[in-house]
Amino acid sequence: MIAIRVLVVLSMGLPLVLLTGCETGTGVGPPGKSPVSTKIEFASRYHIEKAIMTVFLAEGFQPIGQLPGRTLFERAGDSTMQAIYGDWFGEGTLVRAEVVLTEVEFGTHLVTCDVSMQEGGAWIPVSNGRARFSTLVKRVKKLAVVL
């Protein structure tokens, strides 16, 4: 599937369509692999960002980088995380979650979480533990609405 990003700009009252990007696949990462995501309505960007930070910190992830709308979290694997996420998240594993917040229309935001792990010094995308990260994103949604 090919996704085309289009930006509509009003110029002198007339719409002007600009092609801003084109990508294959269904989301962030390699073609055919889409990140876990959810739409959140009726919550401010501030409350959603606060919910993202609260949920991932509670899960033991530490923020290692932040740009507007994008936060990078990391967590080292251990026996507890291995029991929760599965064998791939054991001792010596480092997992990185990139959480992106975008406004898709006025009052509606999309939160996506793309997960990768460090193996042999390189970061590789993973689909293991997808259900668990889906649960984290759903927690973000619930918390953002009540904050």
C-alpha atoms as a PDB file:
ATOM      1  CA  MET A   1       0.000   0.000   0.000  1.00  0.00           C
ATOM      2  CA  ILE A   2       1.279   3.479  -0.771  1.00  0.00           C
ATOM      3  CA  ALA A   3       0.368   6.324   1.551  1.00  0.00           C
ATOM      4  CA  ILE A   4       0.528   9.852   0.227  1.00  0.00           C
ATOM      5  CA  ARG A   5       0.600  12.795   2.586  1.00  0.00           C
ATOM      6  CA  VAL A   6      -1.178  15.868   1.338  1.00  0.00           C
ATOM      7  CA  LEU A   7      -1.152  19.297   2.921  1.00  0.00           C
ATOM      8  CA  VAL A   8      -3.990  21.680   2.081  1.00  0.00           C
ATOM      9  CA  VAL A   9      -3.085  25.336   2.482  1.00  0.00           C
ATOM     10  CA  LEU A  10      -5.360  28.305   1.988  1.00  0.00           C
ATOM     11  CA  SER A  11      -3.736  30.858  -0.267  1.00  0.00           C
ATOM     12  CA  MET A  12      -5.698  34.039  -0.895  1.00  0.00           C
ATOM     13  CA  GLY A  13      -8.845  32.191   0.132  1.00  0.00           C
ATOM     14  CA  LEU A  14      -8.293  29.358  -2.355  1.00  0.00           C
ATOM     15  CA  PRO A  15      -7.148  25.872  -1.355  1.00  0.00           C
ATOM     16  CA  LEU A  16      -3.679  24.888  -2.520  1.00  0.00           C
ATOM     17  CA  VAL A  17      -2.750  21.204  -2.314  1.00  0.00           C
ATOM     18  CA  LEU A  18       0.894  20.347  -1.665  1.00  0.00           C
ATOM     19  CA  LEU A  19       2.347  16.856  -1.729  1.00  0.00           C
ATOM     20  CA  THR A  20       4.432  16.662   1.452  1.00  0.00           C
ATOM     21  CA  GLY A  21       5.578  13.065   1.386  1.00  0.00           C
ATOM     22  CA  CYS A  22       5.030   9.599   0.070  1.00  0.00           C
ATOM     23  CA  GLU A  23       5.796   6.327   1.779  1.00  0.00           C
ATOM     24  CA  THR A  24       5.108   2.653   1.366  1.00  0.00           C
ATOM     25  CA  GLY A  25       3.752   0.457   4.106  1.00  0.00           C
ATOM     26  CA  THR A  26       1.179   1.191   6.756  1.00  0.00           C
ATOM     27  CA  GLY A  27       3.097   3.284   9.260  1.00  0.00           C
ATOM     28  CA  VAL A  28       6.389   3.968  10.939  1.00  0.00           C
ATOM     29  CA  GLY A  29       9.026   1.320  10.394  1.00  0.00           C
ATOM     30  CA  PRO A  30       9.489  -1.246   7.665  1.00  0.00           C
ATOM     31  CA  PRO A  31       6.789  -1.747   5.009  1.00  0.00           C
ATOM     32  CA  GLY A  32       4.012  -4.007   6.208  1.00  0.00           C
ATOM     33  CA  LYS A  33       4.695  -3.349   9.897  1.00  0.00           C
ATOM     34  CA  SER A  34       2.525  -0.763  11.558  1.00  0.00           C
ATOM     35  CA  PRO A  35       2.978   0.625  15.064  1.00  0.00           C
ATOM     36  CA  VAL A  36       0.390   0.225  17.802  1.00  0.00           C
ATOM     37  CA  SER A  37      -1.905   3.250  17.734  1.00  0.00           C
ATOM     38  CA  THR A  38      -5.107   4.763  19.050  1.00  0.00           C
ATOM     39  CA  LYS A  39      -7.126   7.915  18.397  1.00  0.00           C
ATOM     40  CA  ILE A  40      -7.993  10.138  21.327  1.00  0.00           C
ATOM     41  CA  GLU A  41     -10.834  12.628  21.143  1.00  0.00           C
ATOM     42  CA  PHE A  42     -11.858  15.329  23.598  1.00  0.00           C
ATOM     43  CA  ALA A  43      -8.522  15.549  25.414  1.00  0.00           C
ATOM     44  CA  SER A  44      -5.975  18.333  25.198  1.00  0.00           C
ATOM     45  CA  ARG A  45      -2.495  17.737  23.840  1.00  0.00           C
ATOM     46  CA  TYR A  46      -1.090  18.647  27.256  1.00  0.00           C
ATOM     47  CA  HIS A  47      -3.166  15.969  28.998  1.00  0.00           C
ATOM     48  CA  ILE A  48      -2.266  13.343  26.395  1.00  0.00           C
ATOM     49  CA  GLU A  49       1.465  14.099  26.766  1.00  0.00           C
ATOM     50  CA  LYS A  50       1.111  13.896  30.547  1.00  0.00           C
ATOM     51  CA  ALA A  51      -0.712  10.558  30.222  1.00  0.00           C
ATOM     52  CA  ILE A  52       1.997   9.174  27.899  1.00  0.00           C
ATOM     53  CA  MET A  53       4.702  10.063  30.393  1.00  0.00           C
ATOM     54  CA  THR A  54       2.732   8.700  33.375  1.00  0.00           C
ATOM     55  CA  VAL A  55       1.900   5.351  31.746  1.00  0.00           C
ATOM     56  CA  PHE A  56       5.374   4.622  30.392  1.00  0.00           C
ATOM     57  CA  LEU A  57       7.137   5.695  33.604  1.00  0.00           C
ATOM     58  CA  ALA A  58       4.794   3.449  35.605  1.00  0.00           C
ATOM     59  CA  GLU A  59       5.785   0.571  33.313  1.00  0.00           C
ATOM     60  CA  GLY A  60       9.468   1.188  34.125  1.00  0.00           C
ATOM     61  CA  PHE A  61      10.485   2.926  30.893  1.00  0.00           C
ATOM     62  CA  GLN A  62      12.739   5.971  31.138  1.00  0.00           C
ATOM     63  CA  PRO A  63      12.506   8.912  28.729  1.00  0.00           C
ATOM     64  CA  ILE A  64      15.784   9.270  26.817  1.00  0.00           C
ATOM     65  CA  GLY A  65      14.807  11.903  24.290  1.00  0.00           C
ATOM     66  CA  GLN A  66      11.962  14.236  23.549  1.00  0.00           C
ATOM     67  CA  LEU A  67      10.995  16.424  20.625  1.00  0.00           C
ATOM     68  CA  PRO A  68       7.640  18.136  20.134  1.00  0.00           C
ATOM     69  CA  GLY A  69       5.125  15.325  19.624  1.00  0.00           C
ATOM     70  CA  ARG A  70       7.719  12.547  19.946  1.00  0.00           C
ATOM     71  CA  THR A  71       9.136  10.838  23.052  1.00  0.00           C
ATOM     72  CA  LEU A  72      11.685   8.043  23.122  1.00  0.00           C
ATOM     73  CA  PHE A  73      11.610   5.616  26.066  1.00  0.00           C
ATOM     74  CA  GLU A  74      13.998   2.787  26.945  1.00  0.00           C
ATOM     75  CA  ARG A  75      13.881  -0.090  29.379  1.00  0.00           C
ATOM     76  CA  ALA A  76      16.358  -2.862  30.108  1.00  0.00           C
ATOM     77  CA  GLY A  77      14.954  -6.357  30.167  1.00  0.00           C
ATOM     78  CA  ASP A  78      14.855  -8.399  33.352  1.00  0.00           C
ATOM     79  CA  SER A  79      13.046 -11.451  34.712  1.00  0.00           C
ATOM     80  CA  THR A  80       9.934  -9.419  35.596  1.00  0.00           C
ATOM     81  CA  MET A  81       9.690  -7.918  32.121  1.00  0.00           C
ATOM     82  CA  GLN A  82      10.331 -11.342  30.607  1.00  0.00           C
ATOM     83  CA  ALA A  83       7.318 -12.706  32.517  1.00  0.00           C
ATOM     84  CA  ILE A  84       5.133  -9.827  31.310  1.00  0.00           C
ATOM     85  CA  TYR A  85       6.306  -9.428  27.694  1.00  0.00           C
ATOM     86  CA  GLY A  86       7.746 -12.856  26.886  1.00  0.00           C
ATOM     87  CA  ASP A  87      11.128 -14.460  26.291  1.00  0.00           C
ATOM     88  CA  TRP A  88      12.364 -11.756  23.923  1.00  0.00           C
ATOM     89  CA  PHE A  89      12.474  -9.177  26.774  1.00  0.00           C
ATOM     90  CA  GLY A  90      14.913 -10.942  29.116  1.00  0.00           C
ATOM     91  CA  GLU A  91      18.237 -10.129  30.725  1.00  0.00           C
ATOM     92  CA  GLY A  92      20.620  -8.190  28.480  1.00  0.00           C
ATOM     93  CA  THR A  93      17.872  -6.908  26.178  1.00  0.00           C
ATOM     94  CA  LEU A  94      17.268  -3.203  25.738  1.00  0.00           C
ATOM     95  CA  VAL A  95      13.852  -2.179  24.414  1.00  0.00           C
ATOM     96  CA  ARG A  96      13.053   1.219  22.964  1.00  0.00           C
ATOM     97  CA  ALA A  97       9.529   2.584  22.512  1.00  0.00           C
ATOM     98  CA  GLU A  98       9.005   5.632  20.315  1.00  0.00           C
ATOM     99  CA  VAL A  99       5.707   7.319  21.121  1.00  0.00           C
ATOM    100  CA  VAL A 100       4.456   9.866  18.604  1.00  0.00           C
ATOM    101  CA  LEU A 101       1.549  12.241  19.171  1.00  0.00           C
ATOM    102  CA  THR A 102      -0.013  13.906  16.132  1.00  0.00           C
ATOM    103  CA  GLU A 103      -3.147  15.954  15.730  1.00  0.00           C
ATOM    104  CA  VAL A 104      -5.157  14.374  12.917  1.00  0.00           C
ATOM    105  CA  GLU A 105      -7.984  16.904  13.045  1.00  0.00           C
ATOM    106  CA  PHE A 106      -9.140  19.559  15.461  1.00  0.00           C
ATOM    107  CA  GLY A 107      -9.710  17.904  18.837  1.00  0.00           C
ATOM    108  CA  THR A 108      -8.556  14.462  17.697  1.00  0.00           C
ATOM    109  CA  HIS A 109      -5.047  13.137  18.274  1.00  0.00           C
ATOM    110  CA  LEU A 110      -3.344   9.940  17.204  1.00  0.00           C
ATOM    111  CA  VAL A 111      -0.913   8.237  19.583  1.00  0.00           C
ATOM    112  CA  THR A 112       1.397   5.672  17.985  1.00  0.00           C
ATOM    113  CA  CYS A 113       3.963   3.468  19.660  1.00  0.00           C
ATOM    114  CA  ASP A 114       6.704   1.810  17.635  1.00  0.00           C
ATOM    115  CA  VAL A 115       8.902  -0.712  19.454  1.00  0.00           C
ATOM    116  CA  SER A 116      12.445  -1.872  18.676  1.00  0.00           C
ATOM    117  CA  MET A 117      15.069  -3.841  20.545  1.00  0.00           C
ATOM    118  CA  GLN A 118      18.822  -3.774  20.571  1.00  0.00           C
ATOM    119  CA  GLU A 119      20.411  -6.909  19.226  1.00  0.00           C
ATOM    120  CA  GLY A 120      24.125  -7.092  18.478  1.00  0.00           C
ATOM    121  CA  GLY A 121      24.462  -3.313  18.732  1.00  0.00           C
ATOM    122  CA  ALA A 122      21.763  -2.621  16.117  1.00  0.00           C
ATOM    123  CA  TRP A 123      18.168  -1.598  16.724  1.00  0.00           C
ATOM    124  CA  ILE A 124      15.631  -3.873  15.046  1.00  0.00           C
ATOM    125  CA  PRO A 125      11.843  -3.455  14.943  1.00  0.00           C
ATOM    126  CA  VAL A 126       9.874  -6.038  16.887  1.00  0.00           C
ATOM    127  CA  SER A 127       6.324  -7.251  16.762  1.00  0.00           C
ATOM    128  CA  ASN A 128       6.641  -9.396  19.912  1.00  0.00           C
ATOM    129  CA  GLY A 129       4.811  -7.972  22.890  1.00  0.00           C
ATOM    130  CA  ARG A 130       2.483  -6.073  20.569  1.00  0.00           C
ATOM    131  CA  ALA A 131      -0.554  -6.886  22.738  1.00  0.00           C
ATOM    132  CA  ARG A 132       1.210  -5.495  25.820  1.00  0.00           C
ATOM    133  CA  PHE A 133       2.174  -2.244  24.096  1.00  0.00           C
ATOM    134  CA  SER A 134      -1.369  -2.005  22.754  1.00  0.00           C
ATOM    135  CA  THR A 135      -2.540  -2.161  26.373  1.00  0.00           C
ATOM    136  CA  LEU A 136      -0.157   0.671  27.298  1.00  0.00           C
ATOM    137  CA  VAL A 137      -1.518   2.859  24.497  1.00  0.00           C
ATOM    138  CA  LYS A 138      -5.092   2.112  25.633  1.00  0.00           C
ATOM    139  CA  ARG A 139      -4.094   3.154  29.167  1.00  0.00           C
ATOM    140  CA  VAL A 140      -2.803   6.428  27.752  1.00  0.00           C
ATOM    141  CA  LYS A 141      -6.201   6.990  26.125  1.00  0.00           C
ATOM    142  CA  LYS A 142      -8.146   6.280  29.322  1.00  0.00           C
ATOM    143  CA  LEU A 143      -5.899   8.446  31.463  1.00  0.00           C
ATOM    144  CA  ALA A 144      -5.805  11.383  29.029  1.00  0.00           C
ATOM    145  CA  VAL A 145      -9.596  11.642  29.005  1.00  0.00           C
ATOM    146  CA  VAL A 146      -9.892  11.796  32.816  1.00  0.00           C
ATOM    147  CA  LEU A 147      -6.976  14.168  33.521  1.00  0.00           C
END
